[in-house]
C-alpha atoms as a PDB file:
ATOM      1  CA  MET A   1       0.031   0.073  -0.120  1.00  0.00           C
ATOM      2  CA  GLN A   2       2.765   2.326   0.677  1.00  0.00           C
ATOM      3  CA  ASP A   3       4.609   1.658  -2.116  1.00  0.00           C
ATOM      4  CA  GLU A   4       1.608   2.272  -4.687  1.00  0.00           C
ATOM      5  CA  LYS A   5       0.997   5.792  -2.922  1.00  0.00           C
ATOM      6  CA  ASN A   6       4.862   6.980  -2.734  1.00  0.00           C
ATOM      7  CA  ARG A   7       4.827   6.243  -6.815  1.00  0.00           C
ATOM      8  CA  ARG A   8       2.357   8.214  -7.454  1.00  0.00           C
ATOM      9  CA  ALA A   9       3.736  11.144  -4.731  1.00  0.00           C
ATOM     10  CA  PRO A  10       5.499  13.989  -6.953  1.00  0.00           C
ATOM     11  CA  ILE A  11       8.882  14.946  -5.578  1.00  0.00           C
ATOM     12  CA  PRO A  12       9.479  18.675  -6.565  1.00  0.00           C
ATOM     13  CA  TYR A  13      12.978  19.915  -6.651  1.00  0.00           C
ATOM     14  CA  VAL A  14      14.049  23.561  -7.200  1.00  0.00           C
ATOM     15  CA  PRO A  15      17.768  24.167  -8.373  1.00  0.00           C
ATOM     16  CA  ILE A  16      20.147  25.924  -6.270  1.00  0.00           C
ATOM     17  CA  GLY A  17      22.310  26.933  -8.935  1.00  0.00           C
ATOM     18  CA  THR A  18      23.327  26.622 -12.506  1.00  0.00           C
ATOM     19  CA  ILE A  19      26.416  24.873 -13.660  1.00  0.00           C
ATOM     20  CA  HIS A  20      28.720  26.523 -16.683  1.00  0.00           C
ATOM     21  CA  THR A  21      31.186  24.573 -18.996  1.00  0.00           C
ATOM     22  CA  PRO A  22      32.434  25.125 -22.132  1.00  0.00           C
ATOM     23  CA  PHE A  23      29.945  22.662 -24.040  1.00  0.00           C
ATOM     24  CA  THR A  24      26.607  24.192 -25.312  1.00  0.00           C
ATOM     25  CA  ASP A  25      25.741  21.148 -27.109  1.00  0.00           C
ATOM     26  CA  ILE A  26      25.677  17.345 -26.030  1.00  0.00           C
ATOM     27  CA  THR A  27      26.944  16.158 -29.442  1.00  0.00           C
ATOM     28  CA  GLY A  28      31.295  16.017 -28.816  1.00  0.00           C
ATOM     29  CA  MET A  29      30.701  16.119 -25.087  1.00  0.00           C
ATOM     30  CA  PRO A  30      32.986  13.920 -22.440  1.00  0.00           C
ATOM     31  CA  ILE A  31      30.681  11.164 -21.502  1.00  0.00           C
ATOM     32  CA  GLN A  32      31.933  11.057 -18.087  1.00  0.00           C
ATOM     33  CA  PRO A  33      34.289  13.355 -15.998  1.00  0.00           C
ATOM     34  CA  THR A  34      37.581  10.750 -16.740  1.00  0.00           C
ATOM     35  CA  GLY A  35      36.997  12.137 -20.482  1.00  0.00           C
ATOM     36  CA  ALA A  36      36.768  15.768 -18.890  1.00  0.00           C
ATOM     37  CA  ARG A  37      39.969  16.057 -17.189  1.00  0.00           C
ATOM     38  CA  GLY A  38      41.092  19.686 -16.769  1.00  0.00           C
ATOM     39  CA  ILE A  39      37.878  21.061 -18.343  1.00  0.00           C
ATOM     40  CA  ARG A  40      37.106  24.010 -16.141  1.00  0.00           C
ATOM     41  CA  GLY A  41      34.002  25.143 -15.629  1.00  0.00           C
ATOM     42  CA  SER A  42      32.009  27.246 -12.823  1.00  0.00           C
ATOM     43  CA  VAL A  43      28.705  26.891 -10.379  1.00  0.00           C
ATOM     44  CA  ALA A  44      26.780  29.562  -9.658  1.00  0.00           C
ATOM     45  CA  ILE A  45      25.231  29.267  -6.582  1.00  0.00           C
ATOM     46  CA  PHE A  46      21.837  31.571  -6.382  1.00  0.00           C
ATOM     47  CA  PRO A  47      22.441  33.990  -3.463  1.00  0.00           C
ATOM     48  CA  GLU A  48      20.072  32.396  -0.984  1.00  0.00           C
ATOM     49  CA  TYR A  49      22.096  29.077  -0.728  1.00  0.00           C
ATOM     50  CA  ALA A  50      25.277  31.512  -0.117  1.00  0.00           C
ATOM     51  CA  GLU A  51      25.282  30.576   3.704  1.00  0.00           C
ATOM     52  CA  GLY A  52      25.406  26.576   2.676  1.00  0.00           C
ATOM     53  CA  LEU A  53      29.078  27.164   1.292  1.00  0.00           C
ATOM     54  CA  LYS A  54      30.815  27.625   4.251  1.00  0.00           C
ATOM     55  CA  ASP A  55      33.440  25.428   4.937  1.00  0.00           C
ATOM     56  CA  LEU A  56      33.583  23.765   1.484  1.00  0.00           C
ATOM     57  CA  ALA A  57      36.596  24.917   0.514  1.00  0.00           C
ATOM     58  CA  GLY A  58      38.409  22.418   2.564  1.00  0.00           C
ATOM     59  CA  PHE A  59      37.556  19.606  -0.139  1.00  0.00           C
ATOM     60  CA  SER A  60      39.120  18.692  -3.101  1.00  0.00           C
ATOM     61  CA  HIS A  61      36.336  17.007  -5.120  1.00  0.00           C
ATOM     62  CA  LEU A  62      32.448  17.439  -5.457  1.00  0.00           C
ATOM     63  CA  PHE A  63      29.355  15.498  -6.061  1.00  0.00           C
ATOM     64  CA  LEU A  64      27.060  17.511  -8.351  1.00  0.00           C
ATOM     65  CA  ILE A  65      23.692  16.522  -8.763  1.00  0.00           C
ATOM     66  CA  TYR A  66      22.006  18.271 -11.678  1.00  0.00           C
ATOM     67  CA  ALA A  67      19.034  17.811 -13.711  1.00  0.00           C
ATOM     68  CA  PHE A  68      19.176  16.467 -17.100  1.00  0.00           C
ATOM     69  CA  HIS A  69      16.868  19.305 -18.358  1.00  0.00           C
ATOM     70  CA  LEU A  70      17.279  18.750 -22.273  1.00  0.00           C
ATOM     71  CA  SER A  71      16.922  14.780 -22.019  1.00  0.00           C
ATOM     72  CA  PRO A  72      14.265  13.608 -24.129  1.00  0.00           C
ATOM     73  CA  PRO A  73      11.952  10.799 -22.556  1.00  0.00           C
ATOM     74  CA  TYR A  74      13.567   7.071 -21.347  1.00  0.00           C
ATOM     75  CA  GLN A  75      14.047   4.002 -22.818  1.00  0.00           C
ATOM     76  CA  LEU A  76      14.433   0.889 -20.813  1.00  0.00           C
ATOM     77  CA  THR A  77      17.225  -0.692 -22.929  1.00  0.00           C
ATOM     78  CA  VAL A  78      19.519   1.327 -24.851  1.00  0.00           C
ATOM     79  CA  VAL A  79      23.040   1.027 -26.463  1.00  0.00           C
ATOM     80  CA  PRO A  80      25.194   3.023 -24.344  1.00  0.00           C
ATOM     81  CA  PHE A  81      28.154   4.882 -25.214  1.00  0.00           C
ATOM     82  CA  LEU A  82      30.656   2.745 -24.266  1.00  0.00           C
ATOM     83  CA  ASP A  83      29.507  -0.377 -25.745  1.00  0.00           C
ATOM     84  CA  THR A  84      27.603  -1.429 -28.842  1.00  0.00           C
ATOM     85  CA  THR A  85      25.323  -4.318 -26.931  1.00  0.00           C
ATOM     86  CA  PRO A  86      21.717  -3.358 -25.784  1.00  0.00           C
ATOM     87  CA  ARG A  87      21.955  -2.980 -22.183  1.00  0.00           C
ATOM     88  CA  GLY A  88      19.246  -2.253 -19.346  1.00  0.00           C
ATOM     89  CA  LEU A  89      19.053   1.256 -18.425  1.00  0.00           C
ATOM     90  CA  PHE A  90      19.796   0.744 -14.758  1.00  0.00           C
ATOM     91  CA  ALA A  91      22.858  -0.843 -15.715  1.00  0.00           C
ATOM     92  CA  THR A  92      24.393   1.972 -17.903  1.00  0.00           C
ATOM     93  CA  ARG A  93      24.838   5.900 -17.101  1.00  0.00           C
ATOM     94  CA  ALA A  94      22.734   6.953 -19.679  1.00  0.00           C
ATOM     95  CA  PRO A  95      21.131  10.158 -19.298  1.00  0.00           C
ATOM     96  CA  ARG A  96      17.625   9.398 -20.580  1.00  0.00           C
ATOM     97  CA  ARG A  97      15.944   8.342 -17.520  1.00  0.00           C
ATOM     98  CA  PRO A  98      12.335   8.013 -15.624  1.00  0.00           C
ATOM     99  CA  ASN A  99      13.976  10.751 -13.534  1.00  0.00           C
ATOM    100  CA  PRO A 100      16.541  12.327 -15.386  1.00  0.00           C
ATOM    101  CA  ILE A 101      19.221  13.507 -12.653  1.00  0.00           C
ATOM    102  CA  GLY A 102      23.008  13.363 -13.261  1.00  0.00           C
ATOM    103  CA  LEU A 103      25.463  13.345 -10.993  1.00  0.00           C
ATOM    104  CA  SER A 104      29.240  14.095 -11.394  1.00  0.00           C
ATOM    105  CA  VAL A 105      32.606  14.064  -9.638  1.00  0.00           C
ATOM    106  CA  VAL A 106      34.563  17.238 -10.098  1.00  0.00           C
ATOM    107  CA  ARG A 107      37.308  18.730  -8.622  1.00  0.00           C
ATOM    108  CA  LEU A 108      36.933  22.054  -6.932  1.00  0.00           C
ATOM    109  CA  ILE A 109      39.611  24.486  -7.740  1.00  0.00           C
ATOM    110  CA  GLN A 110      38.508  27.518  -6.028  1.00  0.00           C
ATOM    111  CA  VAL A 111      35.150  28.801  -3.590  1.00  0.00           C
ATOM    112  CA  ARG A 112      34.703  32.804  -5.038  1.00  0.00           C
ATOM    113  CA  GLY A 113      31.642  33.788  -3.256  1.00  0.00           C
ATOM    114  CA  THR A 114      28.642  32.237  -4.602  1.00  0.00           C
ATOM    115  CA  THR A 115      30.625  30.534  -7.739  1.00  0.00           C
ATOM    116  CA  LEU A 116      32.663  27.261  -7.616  1.00  0.00           C
ATOM    117  CA  VAL A 117      35.410  27.140 -10.011  1.00  0.00           C
ATOM    118  CA  VAL A 118      35.591  23.281 -11.027  1.00  0.00           C
ATOM    119  CA  GLU A 119      37.455  20.953 -13.115  1.00  0.00           C
ATOM    120  CA  ASP A 120      36.764  17.622 -14.763  1.00  0.00           C
ATOM    121  CA  ALA A 121      33.394  18.922 -16.198  1.00  0.00           C
ATOM    122  CA  ASP A 122      31.723  16.759 -18.565  1.00  0.00           C
ATOM    123  CA  ILE A 123      28.207  18.515 -18.010  1.00  0.00           C
ATOM    124  CA  LEU A 124      26.142  20.689 -20.474  1.00  0.00           C
ATOM    125  CA  ASP A 125      26.434  24.518 -20.088  1.00  0.00           C
ATOM    126  CA  GLY A 126      23.314  26.023 -18.349  1.00  0.00           C
ATOM    127  CA  THR A 127      22.356  22.770 -16.392  1.00  0.00           C
ATOM    128  CA  PRO A 128      20.510  22.796 -13.264  1.00  0.00           C
ATOM    129  CA  LEU A 129      22.206  21.932 -10.109  1.00  0.00           C
ATOM    130  CA  LEU A 130      19.769  20.230  -7.837  1.00  0.00           C
ATOM    131  CA  ASP A 131      22.398  19.680  -4.863  1.00  0.00           C
ATOM    132  CA  LEU A 132      26.100  19.356  -3.926  1.00  0.00           C
ATOM    133  CA  LYS A 133      27.840  17.251  -1.423  1.00  0.00           C
ATOM    134  CA  PRO A 134      31.480  16.880  -0.629  1.00  0.00           C
ATOM    135  CA  TYR A 135      33.441  13.926  -2.117  1.00  0.00           C
ATOM    136  CA  VAL A 136      34.758  12.149   0.854  1.00  0.00           C
ATOM    137  CA  PRO A 137      37.552   9.013  -0.153  1.00  0.00           C
ATOM    138  CA  ALA A 138      37.050   7.352   3.522  1.00  0.00           C
ATOM    139  CA  PHE A 139      33.041   7.198   2.261  1.00  0.00           C
ATOM    140  CA  ASP A 140      32.895   7.165  -1.312  1.00  0.00           C
ATOM    141  CA  SER A 141      35.963   4.975  -2.504  1.00  0.00           C
ATOM    142  CA  TYR A 142      35.671   1.294  -3.058  1.00  0.00           C
ATOM    143  CA  PRO A 143      38.793  -0.145  -4.097  1.00  0.00           C
ATOM    144  CA  ASP A 144      37.402  -3.411  -4.801  1.00  0.00           C
ATOM    145  CA  ALA A 145      34.510  -2.449  -6.329  1.00  0.00           C
ATOM    146  CA  SER A 146      33.376  -4.405  -9.546  1.00  0.00           C
ATOM    147  CA  SER A 147      32.044  -2.474 -12.723  1.00  0.00           C
ATOM    148  CA  GLY A 148      30.025  -5.304 -14.206  1.00  0.00           C
ATOM    149  CA  TRP A 149      29.737  -5.310 -18.019  1.00  0.00           C
ATOM    150  CA  LEU A 150      32.412  -2.274 -17.891  1.00  0.00           C
ATOM    151  CA  VAL A 151      34.797  -3.664 -17.175  1.00  0.00           C
ATOM    152  CA  GLN A 152      36.290  -4.031 -20.733  1.00  0.00           C
ATOM    153  CA  ASN A 153      35.359  -0.811 -21.339  1.00  0.00           C
ATOM    154  CA  ALA A 154      35.655   1.539 -18.960  1.00  0.00           C
ATOM    155  CA  GLN A 155      39.149   3.053 -19.820  1.00  0.00           C
ATOM    156  CA  SER A 156      37.594   4.172 -23.052  1.00  0.00           C
ATOM    157  CA  ALA A 157      35.723   7.043 -21.431  1.00  0.00           C
ATOM    158  CA  ARG A 158      38.512   8.622 -21.769  1.00  0.00           C
ATOM    159  CA  SER A 159      38.315   9.323 -25.320  1.00  0.00           C
ATOM    160  CA  VAL A 160      34.775   8.777 -26.308  1.00  0.00           C
ATOM    161  CA  ARG A 161      32.500  11.537 -26.924  1.00  0.00           C
ATOM    162  CA  SER A 162      29.184  11.622 -26.458  1.00  0.00           C
ATOM    163  CA  ASP A 163      26.845  11.786 -30.026  1.00  0.00           C
ATOM    164  CA  GLU A 164      22.824  11.967 -31.165  1.00  0.00           C
ATOM    165  CA  ARG A 165      21.817   8.748 -29.664  1.00  0.00           C
ATOM    166  CA  PHE A 166      20.548  10.063 -26.437  1.00  0.00           C
ATOM    167  CA  ARG A 167      18.806  13.491 -27.873  1.00  0.00           C
END
């Protein structure tokens, strides 16, 4: 009964800022932060959230949680960028999702008032930021984690770029 109630309950999100990067079109973008090494971007936090940035400067990396605001409707089977085999959506990082929410780990370079200067930005310019959290290696790193079907192709993420398939 509770599951059915939760399934129908809307979950509103309000952006807390905007992500700015050199990428104005999804075609040709890096598909993961590892392919965006050194690419600078910035995150403009809206003034009403400025106080929440206190103490952030001591962290080297951040999780950016954002809306895939231009993503078309989802499909439950997709051919991901790093493969030619159709895969279940939830076994991929494809952007077309039932709840189009993205996650990237970026390097925090500087906090300038309400602007965060970041690197390794693999995100479309103008993307709405939903939340950010500090990356903490003691909490977030699992050296013995497995990568499923991606184990053979993960290294390719450094050079593979986005194309039209998820437009």
